[in-house]
Amino acid sequence: MTRWSVVVVLAVMSLLAAACDEAEEKAKEAGARASAETFRVSVKAQDTEGDPGGVRNVRVLREAADDLPGKANVVGIDDGNGDGIDDDGVVEVKVDDEFACVTLPESGDDIDVSGGRCS
């Protein structure tokens, strides 16, 4: 093999390694987003019509978080004043080092999920 052939082979291998790293990061991000979507579906599937706070009901949110499979970590379910309703309507789902954000409305059940950390 000539010197240029070795350089080309090494360059191709470097590009493949970078592509694999990017694919792994996207897969992790998809894992957080998928878990957040599962959380959303679980909350919407529960009958929250008679519950205080509707989809922001802390009991409903904790049950949905407990039902998530795998190693998803749900943070941001807060009830500082003890009324049984999540204070800010923002819940973050973490899988490995990736995040997704779930935004819960004050009224209705139009729950939004976005990729990345909650701001």
N, C-alpha and C. Protein backbone atom coordinates (compact mmCIF):
# COMPACT_ATOMS: atom_id res chain seq x y z
N MET A 1 0.83 -1.17 0.00
CA MET A 1 0.00 0.00 0.00
C MET A 1 0.88 1.24 0.00
N THR A 2 0.46 2.23 -0.77
CA THR A 2 1.23 3.46 -0.80
C THR A 2 0.83 4.34 0.38
N ARG A 3 1.63 5.37 0.59
CA ARG A 3 1.35 6.29 1.69
C ARG A 3 -0.02 6.94 1.52
N TRP A 4 -0.39 7.33 0.31
CA TRP A 4 -1.68 7.99 0.07
C TRP A 4 -2.84 7.03 0.30
N SER A 5 -2.64 5.79 -0.01
CA SER A 5 -3.70 4.79 0.24
C SER A 5 -3.96 4.67 1.74
N VAL A 6 -2.88 4.67 2.51
CA VAL A 6 -3.03 4.58 3.96
C VAL A 6 -3.74 5.82 4.49
N VAL A 7 -3.40 7.00 3.99
CA VAL A 7 -4.03 8.24 4.41
C VAL A 7 -5.53 8.21 4.08
N VAL A 8 -5.88 7.75 2.88
CA VAL A 8 -7.28 7.67 2.48
C VAL A 8 -8.04 6.69 3.37
N VAL A 9 -7.47 5.54 3.63
CA VAL A 9 -8.12 4.54 4.48
C VAL A 9 -8.34 5.11 5.89
N LEU A 10 -7.35 5.77 6.45
CA LEU A 10 -7.48 6.36 7.78
C LEU A 10 -8.54 7.46 7.79
N ALA A 11 -8.60 8.26 6.74
CA ALA A 11 -9.60 9.33 6.65
C ALA A 11 -11.01 8.74 6.61
N VAL A 12 -11.19 7.69 5.83
CA VAL A 12 -12.50 7.04 5.74
C VAL A 12 -12.89 6.44 7.08
N MET A 13 -11.94 5.82 7.75
CA MET A 13 -12.23 5.22 9.07
C MET A 13 -12.61 6.31 10.08
N SER A 14 -11.97 7.45 10.02
CA SER A 14 -12.30 8.55 10.92
C SER A 14 -13.71 9.07 10.66
N LEU A 15 -14.07 9.18 9.38
CA LEU A 15 -15.42 9.63 9.04
C LEU A 15 -16.48 8.63 9.52
N LEU A 16 -16.20 7.36 9.37
CA LEU A 16 -17.14 6.33 9.84
C LEU A 16 -17.29 6.37 11.36
N ALA A 17 -16.21 6.57 12.06
CA ALA A 17 -16.27 6.64 13.53
C ALA A 17 -17.09 7.85 13.96
N ALA A 18 -16.91 8.99 13.29
CA ALA A 18 -17.68 10.19 13.61
C ALA A 18 -19.16 9.98 13.32
N ALA A 19 -19.47 9.31 12.23
CA ALA A 19 -20.87 9.03 11.87
C ALA A 19 -21.51 8.11 12.90
N CYS A 20 -20.77 7.14 13.39
CA CYS A 20 -21.29 6.22 14.41
C CYS A 20 -21.58 6.97 15.71
N ASP A 21 -20.69 7.90 16.11
CA ASP A 21 -20.91 8.70 17.32
C ASP A 21 -22.17 9.54 17.18
N GLU A 22 -22.36 10.15 16.02
CA GLU A 22 -23.55 10.98 15.78
C GLU A 22 -24.81 10.13 15.81
N ALA A 23 -24.76 8.95 15.24
CA ALA A 23 -25.92 8.04 15.24
C ALA A 23 -26.26 7.62 16.66
N GLU A 24 -25.24 7.36 17.47
CA GLU A 24 -25.47 6.97 18.87
C GLU A 24 -26.14 8.11 19.64
N GLU A 25 -25.69 9.35 19.42
CA GLU A 25 -26.30 10.49 20.09
C GLU A 25 -27.76 10.67 19.68
N LYS A 26 -28.05 10.50 18.39
CA LYS A 26 -29.43 10.61 17.90
C LYS A 26 -30.30 9.52 18.51
N ALA A 27 -29.76 8.33 18.67
CA ALA A 27 -30.51 7.23 19.26
C ALA A 27 -30.84 7.54 20.72
N LYS A 28 -29.89 8.11 21.45
CA LYS A 28 -30.14 8.48 22.84
C LYS A 28 -31.22 9.56 22.91
N GLU A 29 -31.11 10.57 22.02
CA GLU A 29 -32.10 11.64 22.00
C GLU A 29 -33.48 11.06 21.68
N ALA A 30 -33.51 10.13 20.76
CA ALA A 30 -34.78 9.48 20.41
C ALA A 30 -35.33 8.72 21.61
N GLY A 31 -34.45 8.14 22.42
CA GLY A 31 -34.90 7.42 23.61
C GLY A 31 -35.58 8.35 24.60
N ALA A 32 -35.03 9.53 24.83
CA ALA A 32 -35.64 10.50 25.73
C ALA A 32 -36.96 11.00 25.16
N ARG A 33 -36.96 11.28 23.87
CA ARG A 33 -38.19 11.77 23.23
C ARG A 33 -39.27 10.68 23.25
N ALA A 34 -38.89 9.44 22.97
CA ALA A 34 -39.86 8.34 22.99
C ALA A 34 -40.43 8.15 24.40
N SER A 35 -39.59 8.24 25.41
CA SER A 35 -40.07 8.11 26.79
C SER A 35 -41.01 9.25 27.15
N ALA A 36 -40.69 10.46 26.70
CA ALA A 36 -41.56 11.61 26.96
C ALA A 36 -42.90 11.45 26.25
N GLU A 37 -42.89 10.92 25.04
CA GLU A 37 -44.14 10.67 24.31
C GLU A 37 -44.96 9.60 25.03
N THR A 38 -44.29 8.58 25.56
CA THR A 38 -44.98 7.54 26.32
C THR A 38 -45.60 8.13 27.57
N PHE A 39 -44.88 9.02 28.24
CA PHE A 39 -45.39 9.72 29.41
C PHE A 39 -46.65 10.52 29.04
N ARG A 40 -46.58 11.24 27.92
CA ARG A 40 -47.72 12.04 27.46
C ARG A 40 -48.94 11.17 27.21
N VAL A 41 -48.75 10.07 26.51
CA VAL A 41 -49.85 9.15 26.20
C VAL A 41 -50.44 8.59 27.50
N SER A 42 -49.60 8.23 28.44
CA SER A 42 -50.07 7.68 29.71
C SER A 42 -50.91 8.70 30.47
N VAL A 43 -50.47 9.95 30.50
CA VAL A 43 -51.24 11.00 31.19
C VAL A 43 -52.59 11.21 30.50
N LYS A 44 -52.57 11.29 29.18
CA LYS A 44 -53.81 11.53 28.44
C LYS A 44 -54.78 10.35 28.54
N ALA A 45 -54.26 9.14 28.73
CA ALA A 45 -55.11 7.96 28.82
C ALA A 45 -55.88 7.89 30.14
N GLN A 46 -55.40 8.59 31.14
CA GLN A 46 -56.07 8.58 32.44
C GLN A 46 -57.23 9.56 32.43
N ASP A 47 -58.29 9.21 33.12
CA ASP A 47 -59.46 10.08 33.20
C ASP A 47 -59.18 11.15 34.25
N THR A 48 -58.83 12.34 33.78
CA THR A 48 -58.49 13.43 34.70
C THR A 48 -59.59 14.48 34.81
N GLU A 49 -60.73 14.21 34.20
CA GLU A 49 -61.80 15.20 34.18
C GLU A 49 -62.23 15.64 35.57
N GLY A 50 -62.36 14.71 36.52
CA GLY A 50 -62.80 15.07 37.87
C GLY A 50 -61.66 15.39 38.81
N ASP A 51 -60.43 15.23 38.36
CA ASP A 51 -59.27 15.47 39.22
C ASP A 51 -58.90 16.95 39.25
N PRO A 52 -58.52 17.46 40.41
CA PRO A 52 -58.06 18.86 40.44
C PRO A 52 -56.81 19.02 39.57
N GLY A 53 -56.81 20.03 38.73
CA GLY A 53 -55.65 20.30 37.88
C GLY A 53 -55.64 19.56 36.57
N GLY A 54 -56.58 18.65 36.37
CA GLY A 54 -56.63 17.90 35.11
C GLY A 54 -55.34 17.16 34.85
N VAL A 55 -54.72 17.42 33.70
CA VAL A 55 -53.48 16.71 33.35
C VAL A 55 -52.29 17.16 34.19
N ARG A 56 -52.45 18.19 35.00
CA ARG A 56 -51.40 18.62 35.92
C ARG A 56 -51.54 18.00 37.29
N ASN A 57 -52.50 17.10 37.46
CA ASN A 57 -52.71 16.44 38.74
C ASN A 57 -51.45 15.64 39.10
N VAL A 58 -50.90 15.90 40.27
CA VAL A 58 -49.63 15.30 40.68
C VAL A 58 -49.72 13.78 40.77
N ARG A 59 -50.82 13.24 41.27
CA ARG A 59 -50.98 11.80 41.36
C ARG A 59 -50.93 11.17 39.97
N VAL A 60 -51.61 11.78 39.01
CA VAL A 60 -51.63 11.29 37.63
C VAL A 60 -50.22 11.33 37.04
N LEU A 61 -49.51 12.43 37.26
CA LEU A 61 -48.16 12.58 36.71
C LEU A 61 -47.20 11.56 37.31
N ARG A 62 -47.30 11.34 38.61
CA ARG A 62 -46.41 10.37 39.25
C ARG A 62 -46.69 8.94 38.79
N GLU A 63 -47.97 8.62 38.60
CA GLU A 63 -48.31 7.29 38.09
C GLU A 63 -47.75 7.10 36.68
N ALA A 64 -47.89 8.13 35.84
CA ALA A 64 -47.35 8.04 34.47
C ALA A 64 -45.83 7.89 34.49
N ALA A 65 -45.16 8.60 35.39
CA ALA A 65 -43.70 8.50 35.50
C ALA A 65 -43.30 7.11 35.98
N ASP A 66 -44.04 6.57 36.95
CA ASP A 66 -43.72 5.24 37.48
C ASP A 66 -43.92 4.15 36.43
N ASP A 67 -44.82 4.38 35.48
CA ASP A 67 -45.12 3.38 34.46
C ASP A 67 -44.12 3.34 33.31
N LEU A 68 -43.22 4.32 33.24
CA LEU A 68 -42.28 4.36 32.12
C LEU A 68 -41.30 3.19 32.19
N PRO A 69 -41.09 2.52 31.07
CA PRO A 69 -40.14 1.40 31.05
C PRO A 69 -38.70 1.90 30.97
N GLY A 70 -37.78 1.02 31.25
CA GLY A 70 -36.37 1.33 31.08
C GLY A 70 -35.84 2.26 32.15
N LYS A 71 -34.84 3.04 31.75
CA LYS A 71 -34.16 3.89 32.73
C LYS A 71 -34.48 5.37 32.56
N ALA A 72 -35.71 5.66 32.17
CA ALA A 72 -36.13 7.06 32.06
C ALA A 72 -36.27 7.66 33.46
N ASN A 73 -35.78 8.88 33.61
CA ASN A 73 -35.87 9.61 34.86
C ASN A 73 -36.73 10.85 34.62
N VAL A 74 -37.82 10.98 35.36
CA VAL A 74 -38.73 12.11 35.20
C VAL A 74 -38.53 13.05 36.37
N VAL A 75 -38.24 14.32 36.06
CA VAL A 75 -38.05 15.33 37.10
C VAL A 75 -38.94 16.53 36.80
N GLY A 76 -39.27 17.27 37.85
CA GLY A 76 -40.03 18.49 37.68
C GLY A 76 -41.49 18.38 38.08
N ILE A 77 -41.89 17.25 38.65
CA ILE A 77 -43.25 17.14 39.18
C ILE A 77 -43.20 17.75 40.58
N ASP A 78 -43.67 18.98 40.69
CA ASP A 78 -43.56 19.74 41.94
C ASP A 78 -44.93 20.24 42.39
N ASP A 79 -45.19 20.09 43.67
CA ASP A 79 -46.42 20.58 44.27
C ASP A 79 -46.06 21.32 45.56
N GLY A 80 -45.44 22.47 45.39
CA GLY A 80 -44.94 23.24 46.52
C GLY A 80 -46.00 23.71 47.49
N ASN A 81 -47.21 23.99 46.99
CA ASN A 81 -48.24 24.51 47.88
C ASN A 81 -49.21 23.42 48.37
N GLY A 82 -48.99 22.17 47.96
CA GLY A 82 -49.78 21.05 48.46
C GLY A 82 -51.21 20.97 47.96
N ASP A 83 -51.50 21.60 46.82
CA ASP A 83 -52.88 21.57 46.30
C ASP A 83 -53.14 20.37 45.37
N GLY A 84 -52.11 19.52 45.14
CA GLY A 84 -52.28 18.36 44.29
C GLY A 84 -52.11 18.64 42.81
N ILE A 85 -51.69 19.88 42.49
CA ILE A 85 -51.53 20.29 41.08
C ILE A 85 -50.07 20.69 40.87
N ASP A 86 -49.48 20.20 39.77
CA ASP A 86 -48.10 20.56 39.46
C ASP A 86 -47.98 22.07 39.33
N ASP A 87 -46.95 22.64 39.92
CA ASP A 87 -46.83 24.09 40.01
C ASP A 87 -46.62 24.81 38.68
N ASP A 88 -45.73 24.29 37.83
CA ASP A 88 -45.41 25.03 36.61
C ASP A 88 -45.81 24.34 35.31
N GLY A 89 -46.23 23.07 35.38
CA GLY A 89 -46.66 22.36 34.18
C GLY A 89 -45.53 21.98 33.24
N VAL A 90 -44.32 21.89 33.78
CA VAL A 90 -43.16 21.51 32.97
C VAL A 90 -42.48 20.31 33.62
N VAL A 91 -42.32 19.25 32.84
CA VAL A 91 -41.71 18.02 33.32
C VAL A 91 -40.61 17.63 32.34
N GLU A 92 -39.45 17.24 32.87
CA GLU A 92 -38.33 16.86 32.02
C GLU A 92 -38.08 15.36 32.13
N VAL A 93 -37.86 14.73 30.98
CA VAL A 93 -37.58 13.30 30.93
C VAL A 93 -36.14 13.13 30.48
N LYS A 94 -35.38 12.35 31.25
CA LYS A 94 -33.96 12.13 30.94
C LYS A 94 -33.72 10.64 30.73
N VAL A 95 -33.05 10.31 29.63
CA VAL A 95 -32.59 8.96 29.35
C VAL A 95 -31.11 9.07 29.01
N ASP A 96 -30.28 8.43 29.79
CA ASP A 96 -28.82 8.57 29.68
C ASP A 96 -28.47 10.05 29.82
N ASP A 97 -27.85 10.64 28.81
CA ASP A 97 -27.49 12.06 28.87
C ASP A 97 -28.38 12.92 27.99
N GLU A 98 -29.52 12.40 27.58
CA GLU A 98 -30.41 13.12 26.67
C GLU A 98 -31.71 13.49 27.38
N PHE A 99 -32.34 14.55 26.90
CA PHE A 99 -33.52 15.09 27.56
C PHE A 99 -34.65 15.34 26.57
N ALA A 100 -35.86 15.36 27.12
CA ALA A 100 -37.04 15.81 26.39
C ALA A 100 -37.90 16.57 27.40
N CYS A 101 -38.68 17.51 26.89
CA CYS A 101 -39.48 18.37 27.76
C CYS A 101 -40.96 18.16 27.48
N VAL A 102 -41.73 18.01 28.55
CA VAL A 102 -43.18 17.85 28.45
C VAL A 102 -43.81 19.08 29.08
N THR A 103 -44.67 19.76 28.32
CA THR A 103 -45.36 20.95 28.81
C THR A 103 -46.84 20.62 28.95
N LEU A 104 -47.35 20.82 30.16
CA LEU A 104 -48.75 20.50 30.49
C LEU A 104 -49.56 21.79 30.61
N PRO A 105 -50.72 21.87 29.95
CA PRO A 105 -51.51 23.10 29.98
C PRO A 105 -52.23 23.29 31.32
N GLU A 106 -52.58 24.55 31.63
CA GLU A 106 -53.35 24.82 32.85
C GLU A 106 -54.75 24.24 32.73
N SER A 107 -55.30 24.25 31.51
CA SER A 107 -56.61 23.65 31.29
C SER A 107 -56.58 22.90 29.96
N GLY A 108 -57.46 21.92 29.84
CA GLY A 108 -57.46 21.10 28.64
C GLY A 108 -56.44 19.99 28.75
N ASP A 109 -56.25 19.29 27.63
CA ASP A 109 -55.30 18.16 27.66
C ASP A 109 -54.34 18.18 26.48
N ASP A 110 -54.03 19.36 25.97
CA ASP A 110 -53.11 19.51 24.84
C ASP A 110 -51.67 19.53 25.36
N ILE A 111 -51.12 18.35 25.57
CA ILE A 111 -49.79 18.19 26.15
C ILE A 111 -48.75 18.25 25.03
N ASP A 112 -47.70 19.07 25.22
CA ASP A 112 -46.66 19.25 24.21
C ASP A 112 -45.37 18.54 24.64
N VAL A 113 -44.73 17.89 23.68
CA VAL A 113 -43.43 17.25 23.93
C VAL A 113 -42.42 17.81 22.94
N SER A 114 -41.26 18.20 23.44
CA SER A 114 -40.21 18.71 22.56
C SER A 114 -38.88 18.06 22.97
N GLY A 115 -37.97 17.96 22.02
CA GLY A 115 -36.65 17.41 22.29
C GLY A 115 -35.81 18.43 23.03
N GLY A 116 -34.89 17.95 23.84
CA GLY A 116 -33.98 18.84 24.56
C GLY A 116 -34.49 19.14 25.96
N ARG A 117 -33.66 19.87 26.70
CA ARG A 117 -33.98 20.24 28.07
C ARG A 117 -35.11 21.26 28.11
N CYS A 118 -35.82 21.27 29.21
CA CYS A 118 -36.83 22.30 29.44
C CYS A 118 -36.08 23.60 29.78
N SER A 119 -36.58 24.69 29.27
CA SER A 119 -35.88 25.97 29.56
C SER A 119 -36.58 26.76 30.62
